C-alpha atoms as a PDB file:
ATOM      1  CA  UNK A   1     -43.672  97.242 210.317  1.00  0.00           C
ATOM      2  CA  UNK A   2     -43.726 100.847 211.509  1.00  0.00           C
ATOM      3  CA  UNK A   3     -45.335 103.097 208.926  1.00  0.00           C
ATOM      4  CA  UNK A   4     -46.558 106.692 208.699  1.00  0.00           C
ATOM      5  CA  UNK A   5     -48.730 107.707 205.752  1.00  0.00           C
ATOM      6  CA  UNK A   6     -49.683 111.311 205.064  1.00  0.00           C
ATOM      7  CA  UNK A   7     -52.696 112.404 203.033  1.00  0.00           C
ATOM      8  CA  UNK A   8     -54.779 115.493 202.391  1.00  0.00           C
ATOM      9  CA  UNK A   9     -52.390 117.664 200.420  1.00  0.00           C
ATOM     10  CA  UNK A  10     -53.320 119.452 197.233  1.00  0.00           C
ATOM     11  CA  UNK A  11     -53.636 122.749 195.423  1.00  0.00           C
ATOM     12  CA  UNK A  12     -55.437 125.546 197.242  1.00  0.00           C
ATOM     13  CA  UNK A  13     -55.840 129.273 196.684  1.00  0.00           C
ATOM     14  CA  UNK A  14     -54.331 131.794 199.097  1.00  0.00           C
ATOM     15  CA  UNK A  15     -56.574 132.170 202.107  1.00  0.00           C
ATOM     16  CA  UNK A  16     -57.890 128.643 201.750  1.00  0.00           C
ATOM     17  CA  UNK A  17     -57.716 125.667 204.075  1.00  0.00           C
ATOM     18  CA  UNK A  18     -56.509 122.082 204.036  1.00  0.00           C
ATOM     19  CA  UNK A  19     -56.414 119.319 206.614  1.00  0.00           C
ATOM     20  CA  UNK A  20     -53.541 116.887 206.508  1.00  0.00           C
ATOM     21  CA  UNK A  21     -53.728 113.455 208.086  1.00  0.00           C
ATOM     22  CA  UNK A  22     -50.971 111.117 209.235  1.00  0.00           C
ATOM     23  CA  UNK A  23     -52.018 107.514 209.754  1.00  0.00           C
ATOM     24  CA  UNK A  24     -49.663 105.419 211.857  1.00  0.00           C
ATOM     25  CA  UNK A  25     -49.472 101.651 211.805  1.00  0.00           C
ATOM     26  CA  UNK A  26     -47.250  98.904 213.195  1.00  0.00           C
ATOM     27  CA  UNK A  27     -46.896 100.521 216.618  1.00  0.00           C
ATOM     28  CA  UNK A  28     -48.886 102.319 219.310  1.00  0.00           C
ATOM     29  CA  UNK A  29     -48.626 105.881 218.056  1.00  0.00           C
ATOM     30  CA  UNK A  30     -50.537 107.133 221.103  1.00  0.00           C
ATOM     31  CA  UNK A  31     -47.422 106.594 223.228  1.00  0.00           C
ATOM     32  CA  UNK A  32     -45.242 109.036 221.298  1.00  0.00           C
ATOM     33  CA  UNK A  33     -44.936 112.715 220.503  1.00  0.00           C
ATOM     34  CA  UNK A  34     -45.949 113.571 216.945  1.00  0.00           C
ATOM     35  CA  UNK A  35     -44.498 116.255 214.691  1.00  0.00           C
ATOM     36  CA  UNK A  36     -45.226 117.875 211.358  1.00  0.00           C
ATOM     37  CA  UNK A  37     -42.363 119.152 209.239  1.00  0.00           C
ATOM     38  CA  UNK A  38     -42.292 120.784 205.838  1.00  0.00           C
ATOM     39  CA  UNK A  39     -39.717 121.282 203.136  1.00  0.00           C
ATOM     40  CA  UNK A  40     -39.993 123.866 200.402  1.00  0.00           C
ATOM     41  CA  UNK A  41     -37.938 123.629 197.200  1.00  0.00           C
ATOM     42  CA  UNK A  42     -34.354 124.676 197.828  1.00  0.00           C
ATOM     43  CA  UNK A  43     -34.888 125.011 201.572  1.00  0.00           C
ATOM     44  CA  UNK A  44     -34.107 122.907 204.601  1.00  0.00           C
ATOM     45  CA  UNK A  45     -36.779 120.845 206.276  1.00  0.00           C
ATOM     46  CA  UNK A  46     -38.378 122.841 209.084  1.00  0.00           C
ATOM     47  CA  UNK A  47     -40.429 121.862 212.108  1.00  0.00           C
ATOM     48  CA  UNK A  48     -43.981 123.166 211.839  1.00  0.00           C
ATOM     49  CA  UNK A  49     -45.852 121.764 214.841  1.00  0.00           C
ATOM     50  CA  UNK A  50     -45.481 119.334 217.741  1.00  0.00           C
ATOM     51  CA  UNK A  51     -48.040 117.523 219.883  1.00  0.00           C
ATOM     52  CA  UNK A  52     -47.393 115.388 222.942  1.00  0.00           C
ATOM     53  CA  UNK A  53     -48.720 111.848 223.207  1.00  0.00           C
ATOM     54  CA  UNK A  54     -51.631 112.943 225.403  1.00  0.00           C
ATOM     55  CA  UNK A  55     -52.373 116.130 223.406  1.00  0.00           C
ATOM     56  CA  UNK A  56     -51.796 118.230 226.528  1.00  0.00           C
ATOM     57  CA  UNK A  57     -49.044 120.298 224.941  1.00  0.00           C
ATOM     58  CA  UNK A  58     -48.632 121.692 221.438  1.00  0.00           C
ATOM     59  CA  UNK A  59     -46.071 124.004 219.892  1.00  0.00           C
ATOM     60  CA  UNK A  60     -45.858 125.795 216.572  1.00  0.00           C
ATOM     61  CA  UNK A  61     -43.352 127.547 214.384  1.00  0.00           C
ATOM     62  CA  UNK A  62     -43.816 131.314 214.534  1.00  0.00           C
ATOM     63  CA  UNK A  63     -44.642 131.339 210.833  1.00  0.00           C
ATOM     64  CA  UNK A  64     -47.804 129.244 211.335  1.00  0.00           C
ATOM     65  CA  UNK A  65     -49.010 130.288 214.797  1.00  0.00           C
ATOM     66  CA  UNK A  66     -52.650 131.262 214.787  1.00  0.00           C
ATOM     67  CA  UNK A  67     -53.239 129.631 211.394  1.00  0.00           C
ATOM     68  CA  UNK A  68     -52.348 125.949 211.861  1.00  0.00           C
ATOM     69  CA  UNK A  69     -53.652 123.527 214.468  1.00  0.00           C
ATOM     70  CA  UNK A  70     -52.114 120.156 215.273  1.00  0.00           C
ATOM     71  CA  UNK A  71     -54.284 117.456 216.811  1.00  0.00           C
ATOM     72  CA  UNK A  72     -54.474 113.705 217.142  1.00  0.00           C
ATOM     73  CA  UNK A  73     -56.988 110.920 217.608  1.00  0.00           C
ATOM     74  CA  UNK A  74     -55.184 108.181 219.489  1.00  0.00           C
ATOM     75  CA  UNK A  75     -58.084 105.793 219.081  1.00  0.00           C
ATOM     76  CA  UNK A  76     -57.470 106.000 215.326  1.00  0.00           C
ATOM     77  CA  UNK A  77     -53.668 106.150 215.555  1.00  0.00           C
ATOM     78  CA  UNK A  78     -53.878 109.328 213.486  1.00  0.00           C
ATOM     79  CA  UNK A  79     -52.480 112.850 213.706  1.00  0.00           C
ATOM     80  CA  UNK A  80     -53.805 115.896 211.884  1.00  0.00           C
ATOM     81  CA  UNK A  81     -52.701 119.338 210.772  1.00  0.00           C
ATOM     82  CA  UNK A  82     -55.495 121.821 210.111  1.00  0.00           C
ATOM     83  CA  UNK A  83     -54.129 124.620 207.970  1.00  0.00           C
ATOM     84  CA  UNK A  84     -56.151 127.809 207.580  1.00  0.00           C
ATOM     85  CA  UNK A  85     -55.435 131.169 205.931  1.00  0.00           C
ATOM     86  CA  UNK A  86     -52.874 129.509 203.719  1.00  0.00           C
ATOM     87  CA  UNK A  87     -50.208 131.634 202.072  1.00  0.00           C
ATOM     88  CA  UNK A  88     -48.029 130.967 199.021  1.00  0.00           C
ATOM     89  CA  UNK A  89     -45.060 130.626 201.362  1.00  0.00           C
ATOM     90  CA  UNK A  90     -46.742 127.593 202.943  1.00  0.00           C
ATOM     91  CA  UNK A  91     -46.114 125.704 199.712  1.00  0.00           C
ATOM     92  CA  UNK A  92     -44.004 122.664 200.574  1.00  0.00           C
ATOM     93  CA  UNK A  93     -43.983 118.928 201.021  1.00  0.00           C
ATOM     94  CA  UNK A  94     -45.356 118.179 204.469  1.00  0.00           C
ATOM     95  CA  UNK A  95     -44.081 115.212 206.471  1.00  0.00           C
ATOM     96  CA  UNK A  96     -45.200 113.638 209.705  1.00  0.00           C
ATOM     97  CA  UNK A  97     -42.637 112.293 212.119  1.00  0.00           C
ATOM     98  CA  UNK A  98     -42.277 110.494 215.389  1.00  0.00           C
ATOM     99  CA  UNK A  99     -39.350 109.187 217.391  1.00  0.00           C
ATOM    100  CA  UNK A 100     -39.736 105.709 218.815  1.00  0.00           C
ATOM    101  CA  UNK A 101     -37.021 103.888 220.733  1.00  0.00           C
ATOM    102  CA  UNK A 102     -34.467 106.539 219.684  1.00  0.00           C
ATOM    103  CA  UNK A 103     -35.244 106.054 215.987  1.00  0.00           C
ATOM    104  CA  UNK A 104     -37.009 108.604 213.846  1.00  0.00           C
ATOM    105  CA  UNK A 105     -39.787 107.574 211.494  1.00  0.00           C
ATOM    106  CA  UNK A 106     -41.056 109.624 208.550  1.00  0.00           C
ATOM    107  CA  UNK A 107     -43.924 109.428 206.154  1.00  0.00           C
ATOM    108  CA  UNK A 108     -43.480 109.785 202.415  1.00  0.00           C
ATOM    109  CA  UNK A 109     -44.792 113.350 202.443  1.00  0.00           C
ATOM    110  CA  UNK A 110     -47.764 115.111 200.903  1.00  0.00           C
ATOM    111  CA  UNK A 111     -47.485 118.118 198.604  1.00  0.00           C
ATOM    112  CA  UNK A 112     -49.254 121.342 199.537  1.00  0.00           C
ATOM    113  CA  UNK A 113     -49.334 124.058 196.904  1.00  0.00           C
ATOM    114  CA  UNK A 114     -50.830 127.472 197.636  1.00  0.00           C
ATOM    115  CA  UNK A 115     -51.344 129.421 194.449  1.00  0.00           C
ATOM    116  CA  UNK A 116     -53.945 131.442 192.606  1.00  0.00           C
END
């Protein structure tokens, strides 16, 4: 059974950091591109960061460039999102995603709240 499970969310003050993890199981995650999305209340889900299967290429939304870093450990079937210099506008539910055999898979999401 293909499964993605996010963890690492929480409440953090502005300027703080969090590291999200996405653990994949039921398939060889190392063969597929990984993505992080987020969805804030009342807003559409937006793509935050992308990493290729071999980690050679990464891309970021303009709103997080220079603050967030996507990475993966294929030996652990896990993808990460290091988030630094967090802002209140980063508050959202964060989801990991991959597309395998033309089907998209999503985790259940992890809440990130940036507030003083």
